[in-house]
Amino acid sequence: MNTSTDTPLVSIIILNYNAGQLLFNCVESILKTSYSNFEIIVVDNNSHDQSHTKCKEFFPQIKLIENKKNLGYCEGNNVGIRSATGKFIVILNPDTIVSQNWLDELIFAYNRNGDGLYQPKILSLYEDGILQSTGNMLHVFGFGFARDKGNPDDLKYNKVEEIGYASGTCLFTSLDVMKKIGLFDPFLFLYHDDLDLGWRAFQLNIKSYFVPSTAIYHAESYSLRWSEKKFFWLERNRRYCMLTHYSKDTYKKMRFSLIAIELLVWVFYLKKGFVVAKIKAEIEILKNRKHIEEKYLELETKKIISDVEMIRRLPDEIFVPKNVSGEYGNRTFNRILSRLSRKIKRDIQS
């Protein structure tokens, strides 16, 4: 790592919460990066495993910020962004290993395609050649999903392309773009934070891109995995994003399809044994109606791209991993989703 002025400085922000050895491995891989001008900012969310202090002792060149409490993914990363001095920033999970050329390729893609949010190919750290994401996608009902997750990497993508939103596992952009979008929304705390950011970016005509020429390797969800607590955050934040991002006119035109989807979601949570998580998510939405309305009004005043234009570009189906729902359940769910999605695309034109 050096401070050469030949290349712009990249601030790499790693948010740590009891990541243990994973944090060490991540930092070690970054230090092998072929791009020379970067800083590493480790923001710790009050870990009790001391991984952050041990990492600082072993890698004294990193900048360590210690939060007094767990601020969550969103505000934790915001702390790092506010302390960043680079032209570019990377939001990087601590349970990742980066490729040697990752920054070179992401910067090259940014310079060719312009302001935007970028993600590399994400592969499994523990399953050789298995994809975790070739771009994250947004569905009209607020569901977010990683394209090709669990599939073998067949190298079918060979050029930079627009996607729904860039994965928060490894998100690259400029500091100016991040400030223009408005950083991460602290209300979300964790999960769907990248979806929300990409959605807000698109409304400002800032696109998200997938860069297939480089990859990172991800252990995935080292803290919560697929748990009732995770389902709570996913559902709470999905509902929050829909209520704050869609105009009231759009919501009105979607109301019948939304009722049908809500019934499906209730059935899904009941079958998974997580109905309490769904109830808690709905209570949270009701308790925060005032904040939701204020956020809605803020986003409506900034919106450049209309709901109609955005919805028209969204996929009709989603991908659900088999460990979340069986193959038959996925097919049934997607058949219903597709019909309702196509109906909405017709309805919003009226």
Protein backbone atom coordinates (compact mmCIF):
# COMPACT_ATOMS: atom_id res chain seq x y z
CA MET A 1 0.00 0.00 0.00
CA ASN A 2 1.38 3.44 -0.89
CA THR A 3 0.21 6.97 -1.57
CA SER A 4 1.11 7.29 -5.22
CA THR A 5 -0.66 10.16 -6.96
CA ASP A 6 -0.60 8.33 -10.29
CA THR A 7 -3.79 6.50 -9.40
CA PRO A 8 -6.78 7.73 -7.36
CA LEU A 9 -7.02 6.64 -3.75
CA VAL A 10 -9.57 3.92 -2.95
CA SER A 11 -10.98 3.72 0.57
CA ILE A 12 -11.87 0.12 1.45
CA ILE A 13 -14.37 -0.02 4.31
CA ILE A 14 -14.75 -3.30 6.20
CA LEU A 15 -17.46 -3.43 8.85
CA ASN A 16 -16.57 -5.99 11.51
CA TYR A 17 -18.74 -7.69 14.09
CA ASN A 18 -17.14 -10.74 15.66
CA ALA A 19 -15.78 -11.97 12.33
CA GLY A 20 -12.79 -13.67 13.93
CA GLN A 21 -10.24 -15.18 11.55
CA LEU A 22 -12.35 -14.17 8.55
CA LEU A 23 -11.37 -10.54 9.10
CA PHE A 24 -7.66 -11.42 9.10
CA ASN A 25 -8.00 -13.43 5.89
CA CYS A 26 -9.89 -10.59 4.22
CA VAL A 27 -7.31 -7.93 5.07
CA GLU A 28 -4.46 -10.23 4.08
CA SER A 29 -6.01 -10.77 0.62
CA ILE A 30 -6.49 -7.01 0.14
CA LEU A 31 -2.82 -6.38 0.83
CA LYS A 32 -1.99 -8.60 -2.17
CA THR A 33 -4.05 -6.36 -4.48
CA SER A 34 -2.25 -5.32 -7.67
CA TYR A 35 -3.70 -1.79 -7.48
CA SER A 36 -1.34 0.22 -5.28
CA ASN A 37 -3.19 3.24 -3.90
CA PHE A 38 -5.71 2.28 -1.25
CA GLU A 39 -6.50 2.64 2.43
CA ILE A 40 -8.19 0.03 4.61
CA ILE A 41 -10.71 1.28 7.16
CA VAL A 42 -11.95 -1.34 9.61
CA VAL A 43 -15.05 -0.17 11.47
CA ASP A 44 -15.87 -2.35 14.45
CA ASN A 45 -19.43 -2.61 15.81
CA ASN A 46 -18.46 -3.32 19.42
CA SER A 47 -17.22 -6.89 18.84
CA HIS A 48 -16.58 -9.04 21.90
CA ASP A 49 -14.15 -11.44 20.17
CA GLN A 50 -11.42 -8.75 19.93
CA SER A 51 -10.89 -9.60 16.25
CA HIS A 52 -10.59 -5.89 15.44
CA THR A 53 -7.84 -5.10 17.97
CA LYS A 54 -5.91 -8.25 17.07
CA CYS A 55 -6.21 -7.32 13.38
CA LYS A 56 -4.84 -3.82 14.08
CA GLU A 57 -1.89 -5.34 15.96
CA PHE A 58 -1.11 -7.72 13.09
CA PHE A 59 -1.77 -5.15 10.33
CA PRO A 60 -0.79 -1.76 11.85
CA GLN A 61 -1.31 0.02 8.51
CA ILE A 62 -5.10 -0.29 8.70
CA LYS A 63 -7.23 2.49 10.13
CA LEU A 64 -9.40 1.18 12.98
CA ILE A 65 -12.60 2.87 14.13
CA GLU A 66 -14.24 1.40 17.23
CA ASN A 67 -17.96 2.09 17.68
CA LYS A 68 -19.18 2.12 21.27
CA LYS A 69 -22.18 -0.04 20.34
CA ASN A 70 -23.45 -2.15 17.46
CA LEU A 71 -24.76 0.43 15.00
CA GLY A 72 -25.84 -2.19 12.46
CA TYR A 73 -24.67 -2.61 8.89
CA CYS A 74 -26.01 0.70 7.63
CA GLU A 75 -24.80 3.23 10.17
CA GLY A 76 -21.67 1.19 10.82
CA ASN A 77 -20.67 1.55 7.17
CA ASN A 78 -21.74 5.19 7.17
CA VAL A 79 -19.16 5.81 9.92
CA GLY A 80 -16.52 4.40 7.60
CA ILE A 81 -17.74 6.37 4.59
CA ARG A 82 -17.59 9.64 6.54
CA SER A 83 -13.96 8.97 7.44
CA ALA A 84 -12.95 7.93 3.91
CA THR A 85 -10.52 10.17 2.04
CA GLY A 86 -10.41 8.34 -1.30
CA LYS A 87 -11.98 9.34 -4.59
CA PHE A 88 -13.47 5.84 -4.69
CA ILE A 89 -14.89 3.70 -1.90
CA VAL A 90 -15.53 0.00 -1.48
CA ILE A 91 -17.98 -1.48 1.00
CA LEU A 92 -16.57 -4.96 1.67
CA ASN A 93 -17.79 -7.73 3.96
CA PRO A 94 -15.17 -9.16 6.34
CA ASP A 95 -16.01 -12.73 5.29
CA THR A 96 -14.56 -12.23 1.80
CA ILE A 97 -11.33 -12.91 -0.07
CA VAL A 98 -10.56 -10.60 -2.98
CA SER A 99 -8.85 -11.34 -6.29
CA GLN A 100 -5.56 -9.65 -7.03
CA ASN A 101 -7.00 -7.59 -9.92
CA TRP A 102 -10.32 -6.65 -8.32
CA LEU A 103 -9.73 -2.91 -7.91
CA ASP A 104 -8.14 -2.51 -11.35
CA GLU A 105 -11.18 -4.08 -13.02
CA LEU A 106 -13.76 -2.18 -10.96
CA ILE A 107 -12.05 1.16 -11.63
CA PHE A 108 -11.75 0.34 -15.33
CA ALA A 109 -15.47 -0.46 -15.50
CA TYR A 110 -16.34 2.74 -13.63
CA ASN A 111 -14.23 4.87 -15.96
CA ARG A 112 -15.90 3.31 -19.03
CA ASN A 113 -19.51 3.37 -17.80
CA GLY A 114 -19.57 6.41 -15.55
CA ASP A 115 -21.21 7.18 -12.24
CA GLY A 116 -22.89 4.13 -10.77
CA LEU A 117 -22.78 1.34 -8.21
CA TYR A 118 -20.60 -1.63 -9.19
CA GLN A 119 -20.16 -5.19 -7.98
CA PRO A 120 -17.80 -7.97 -9.11
CA LYS A 121 -18.70 -11.61 -9.61
CA ILE A 122 -19.22 -13.21 -6.20
CA LEU A 123 -18.21 -16.85 -5.77
CA SER A 124 -18.56 -19.15 -2.80
CA LEU A 125 -15.51 -19.28 -0.56
CA TYR A 126 -16.16 -22.89 0.40
CA GLU A 127 -17.70 -24.41 -2.75
CA ASP A 128 -15.33 -24.42 -5.69
CA GLY A 129 -16.76 -22.74 -8.80
CA ILE A 130 -20.21 -22.07 -7.30
CA LEU A 131 -21.74 -18.65 -7.82
CA GLN A 132 -23.25 -16.48 -5.13
CA SER A 133 -24.14 -13.56 -7.38
CA THR A 134 -23.78 -12.37 -10.96
CA GLY A 135 -25.67 -9.24 -10.04
CA ASN A 136 -28.44 -8.57 -7.57
CA MET A 137 -31.95 -8.02 -8.88
CA LEU A 138 -35.01 -6.18 -7.60
CA HIS A 139 -38.60 -7.42 -7.98
CA VAL A 140 -41.67 -5.18 -8.14
CA PHE A 141 -42.88 -6.46 -4.74
CA GLY A 142 -39.63 -5.44 -3.04
CA PHE A 143 -37.98 -8.85 -3.06
CA GLY A 144 -34.25 -8.78 -3.71
CA PHE A 145 -32.29 -11.75 -5.00
CA ALA A 146 -28.84 -12.73 -6.23
CA ARG A 147 -28.82 -13.86 -9.84
CA ASP A 148 -27.43 -17.39 -10.45
CA LYS A 149 -26.90 -18.10 -6.75
CA GLY A 150 -25.92 -21.75 -6.26
CA ASN A 151 -25.24 -22.35 -9.96
CA PRO A 152 -21.84 -23.43 -11.33
CA ASP A 153 -19.85 -20.60 -12.86
CA ASP A 154 -20.09 -21.29 -16.59
CA LEU A 155 -18.49 -17.95 -17.56
CA LYS A 156 -21.54 -16.95 -19.63
CA TYR A 157 -21.14 -13.27 -18.75
CA ASN A 158 -18.20 -11.55 -20.45
CA LYS A 159 -19.08 -7.87 -20.39
CA VAL A 160 -20.20 -5.23 -17.93
CA GLU A 161 -23.99 -5.02 -17.76
CA GLU A 162 -26.69 -3.16 -15.89
CA ILE A 163 -28.32 -4.97 -12.95
CA GLY A 164 -30.99 -4.21 -10.37
CA TYR A 165 -28.61 -3.22 -7.60
CA ALA A 166 -25.02 -3.87 -6.54
CA SER A 167 -24.47 -6.34 -3.72
CA GLY A 168 -23.40 -4.90 -0.38
CA THR A 169 -21.00 -7.84 -0.06
CA CYS A 170 -18.65 -5.85 -2.32
CA LEU A 171 -19.96 -2.51 -3.54
CA PHE A 172 -17.72 -0.11 -5.45
CA THR A 173 -18.49 3.51 -6.31
CA SER A 174 -17.13 7.02 -5.97
CA LEU A 175 -17.42 8.98 -2.76
CA ASP A 176 -19.28 11.72 -4.66
CA VAL A 177 -21.90 9.26 -5.93
CA MET A 178 -22.42 7.79 -2.48
CA LYS A 179 -22.95 11.26 -1.02
CA LYS A 180 -25.36 12.15 -3.81
CA ILE A 181 -27.47 9.05 -3.10
CA GLY A 182 -27.43 9.79 0.62
CA LEU A 183 -25.39 6.95 2.24
CA PHE A 184 -27.10 3.91 3.80
CA ASP A 185 -30.45 4.34 5.57
CA PRO A 186 -29.81 3.75 9.33
CA PHE A 187 -33.45 2.72 9.87
CA LEU A 188 -32.81 -0.53 7.98
CA PHE A 189 -30.04 -1.55 10.41
CA LEU A 190 -29.14 -4.60 8.31
CA TYR A 191 -30.47 -6.52 5.27
CA HIS A 192 -31.94 -4.96 2.13
CA ASP A 193 -29.58 -2.06 2.77
CA ASP A 194 -27.97 -2.55 -0.65
CA LEU A 195 -31.40 -2.99 -2.27
CA ASP A 196 -32.56 0.29 -0.77
CA LEU A 197 -29.38 2.07 -1.86
CA GLY A 198 -29.64 0.75 -5.43
CA TRP A 199 -33.34 1.64 -5.59
CA ARG A 200 -32.68 5.21 -4.44
CA ALA A 201 -29.77 5.44 -6.87
CA PHE A 202 -31.93 4.36 -9.81
CA GLN A 203 -34.54 6.96 -8.91
CA LEU A 204 -31.74 9.52 -9.29
CA ASN A 205 -30.76 7.99 -12.65
CA ILE A 206 -27.65 6.37 -11.17
CA LYS A 207 -27.40 2.80 -12.44
CA SER A 208 -25.93 -0.38 -10.96
CA TYR A 209 -23.54 -2.66 -12.85
CA PHE A 210 -22.12 -6.17 -12.74
CA VAL A 211 -18.42 -6.55 -13.59
CA PRO A 212 -17.69 -10.18 -14.62
CA SER A 213 -13.96 -9.75 -15.28
CA THR A 214 -13.02 -10.11 -11.61
CA ALA A 215 -14.34 -12.00 -8.60
CA ILE A 216 -14.36 -12.08 -4.83
CA TYR A 217 -14.98 -15.14 -2.66
CA HIS A 218 -17.63 -14.95 0.05
CA ALA A 219 -18.31 -17.14 3.09
CA GLU A 220 -21.86 -15.69 3.24
CA SER A 221 -23.91 -14.64 6.24
CA TYR A 222 -21.41 -15.62 8.90
CA SER A 223 -23.52 -14.03 11.67
CA LEU A 224 -27.23 -14.84 11.22
CA ARG A 225 -27.50 -17.32 8.33
CA TRP A 226 -31.12 -18.34 7.58
CA SER A 227 -32.79 -17.67 10.91
CA GLU A 228 -36.04 -16.26 12.27
CA LYS A 229 -34.19 -13.07 13.13
CA LYS A 230 -32.91 -12.72 9.57
CA PHE A 231 -36.40 -13.28 8.13
CA PHE A 232 -37.69 -10.53 10.44
CA TRP A 233 -35.19 -7.99 9.11
CA LEU A 234 -35.76 -9.03 5.49
CA GLU A 235 -39.54 -8.67 5.73
CA ARG A 236 -39.55 -5.51 7.83
CA ASN A 237 -37.16 -3.81 5.43
CA ARG A 238 -38.92 -5.05 2.29
CA ARG A 239 -42.16 -3.48 3.52
CA TYR A 240 -40.31 -0.30 4.50
CA CYS A 241 -38.69 0.05 1.05
CA MET A 242 -42.00 -0.37 -0.76
CA LEU A 243 -43.76 2.18 1.43
CA THR A 244 -41.00 4.77 1.07
CA HIS A 245 -40.01 4.28 -2.59
CA TYR A 246 -43.28 3.90 -4.47
CA SER A 247 -45.57 6.90 -4.90
CA LYS A 248 -49.02 6.69 -3.33
CA ASP A 249 -50.52 6.64 -6.82
CA THR A 250 -48.38 3.62 -7.77
CA TYR A 251 -49.27 1.89 -4.51
CA LYS A 252 -52.96 2.48 -5.20
CA LYS A 253 -52.72 0.86 -8.62
CA MET A 254 -50.89 -2.13 -7.11
CA ARG A 255 -53.26 -2.64 -4.15
CA PHE A 256 -55.06 -5.81 -5.31
CA SER A 257 -51.82 -7.52 -6.31
CA LEU A 258 -50.24 -6.43 -3.03
CA ILE A 259 -53.05 -8.08 -1.05
CA ALA A 260 -52.45 -11.34 -2.93
CA ILE A 261 -48.70 -11.16 -2.30
CA GLU A 262 -49.19 -10.44 1.39
CA LEU A 263 -51.32 -13.58 1.70
CA LEU A 264 -48.57 -15.60 -0.01
CA VAL A 265 -45.91 -14.15 2.28
CA TRP A 266 -47.99 -15.02 5.36
CA VAL A 267 -48.34 -18.60 4.11
CA PHE A 268 -44.59 -18.79 3.46
CA TYR A 269 -43.72 -17.56 6.96
CA LEU A 270 -46.27 -19.93 8.48
CA LYS A 271 -44.76 -22.92 6.63
CA LYS A 272 -41.23 -21.94 7.70
CA GLY A 273 -42.34 -21.61 11.31
CA PHE A 274 -41.43 -17.92 11.32
CA VAL A 275 -44.89 -16.38 11.60
CA VAL A 276 -43.82 -14.55 14.79
CA ALA A 277 -41.10 -12.83 12.74
CA LYS A 278 -43.73 -11.68 10.23
CA ILE A 279 -45.97 -10.35 13.01
CA LYS A 280 -43.04 -8.47 14.56
CA ALA A 281 -42.17 -7.00 11.15
CA GLU A 282 -45.73 -5.70 10.70
CA ILE A 283 -45.75 -4.21 14.21
CA GLU A 284 -42.48 -2.42 13.46
CA ILE A 285 -43.97 -0.91 10.32
CA LEU A 286 -47.04 0.32 12.24
CA LYS A 287 -44.92 1.75 15.06
CA ASN A 288 -42.80 3.73 12.60
CA ARG A 289 -45.56 5.17 10.39
CA LYS A 290 -44.49 8.75 11.06
CA HIS A 291 -40.86 8.09 10.12
CA ILE A 292 -41.96 6.15 7.02
CA GLU A 293 -44.14 9.04 5.87
CA GLU A 294 -41.29 11.52 6.37
CA LYS A 295 -38.88 9.31 4.42
CA TYR A 296 -41.46 8.84 1.67
CA LEU A 297 -41.88 12.61 1.24
CA GLU A 298 -38.10 13.09 1.18
CA LEU A 299 -37.59 10.51 -1.58
CA GLU A 300 -40.57 11.70 -3.63
CA THR A 301 -39.10 15.21 -3.86
CA LYS A 302 -35.77 13.84 -5.14
CA LYS A 303 -37.10 11.30 -7.62
CA ILE A 304 -36.00 11.78 -11.24
CA ILE A 305 -36.95 8.39 -12.71
CA SER A 306 -40.64 7.53 -12.42
CA ASP A 307 -42.05 4.35 -10.87
CA VAL A 308 -43.52 3.44 -14.27
CA GLU A 309 -40.14 3.54 -15.98
CA MET A 310 -38.47 1.54 -13.23
CA ILE A 311 -41.16 -1.14 -12.88
CA ARG A 312 -41.18 -1.71 -16.62
CA ARG A 313 -37.56 -2.89 -16.41
CA LEU A 314 -37.92 -5.26 -13.46
CA PRO A 315 -37.92 -9.07 -13.84
CA ASP A 316 -41.21 -10.92 -13.35
CA GLU A 317 -39.69 -13.86 -11.47
CA ILE A 318 -37.30 -14.16 -8.56
CA PHE A 319 -34.74 -16.73 -7.55
CA VAL A 320 -35.23 -18.39 -4.15
CA PRO A 321 -32.44 -20.70 -2.89
CA LYS A 322 -33.52 -24.33 -2.38
CA ASN A 323 -32.54 -24.17 1.29
CA VAL A 324 -35.21 -21.49 1.77
CA SER A 325 -38.02 -23.04 -0.27
CA GLY A 326 -38.27 -26.32 -2.17
CA GLU A 327 -38.23 -26.59 -5.95
CA TYR A 328 -42.00 -27.12 -6.18
CA GLY A 329 -42.62 -24.16 -3.88
CA ASN A 330 -40.33 -21.99 -5.99
CA ARG A 331 -42.14 -22.87 -9.22
CA THR A 332 -45.58 -22.23 -7.70
CA PHE A 333 -44.49 -18.97 -6.09
CA ASN A 334 -42.89 -17.73 -9.31
CA ARG A 335 -45.94 -18.59 -11.42
CA ILE A 336 -48.08 -16.42 -9.17
CA LEU A 337 -45.45 -13.70 -8.97
CA SER A 338 -45.11 -13.54 -12.76
CA ARG A 339 -48.83 -13.16 -13.32
CA LEU A 340 -49.15 -10.45 -10.68
CA SER A 341 -46.01 -8.66 -11.93
CA ARG A 342 -47.31 -8.56 -15.49
CA LYS A 343 -50.67 -7.32 -14.21
CA ILE A 344 -48.99 -4.46 -12.36
CA LYS A 345 -47.01 -3.50 -15.44
CA ARG A 346 -50.30 -3.19 -17.31
CA ASP A 347 -52.11 -1.41 -14.47
CA ILE A 348 -49.53 1.32 -13.86
CA GLN A 349 -49.76 2.44 -17.49
CA SER A 350 -53.38 3.54 -16.93
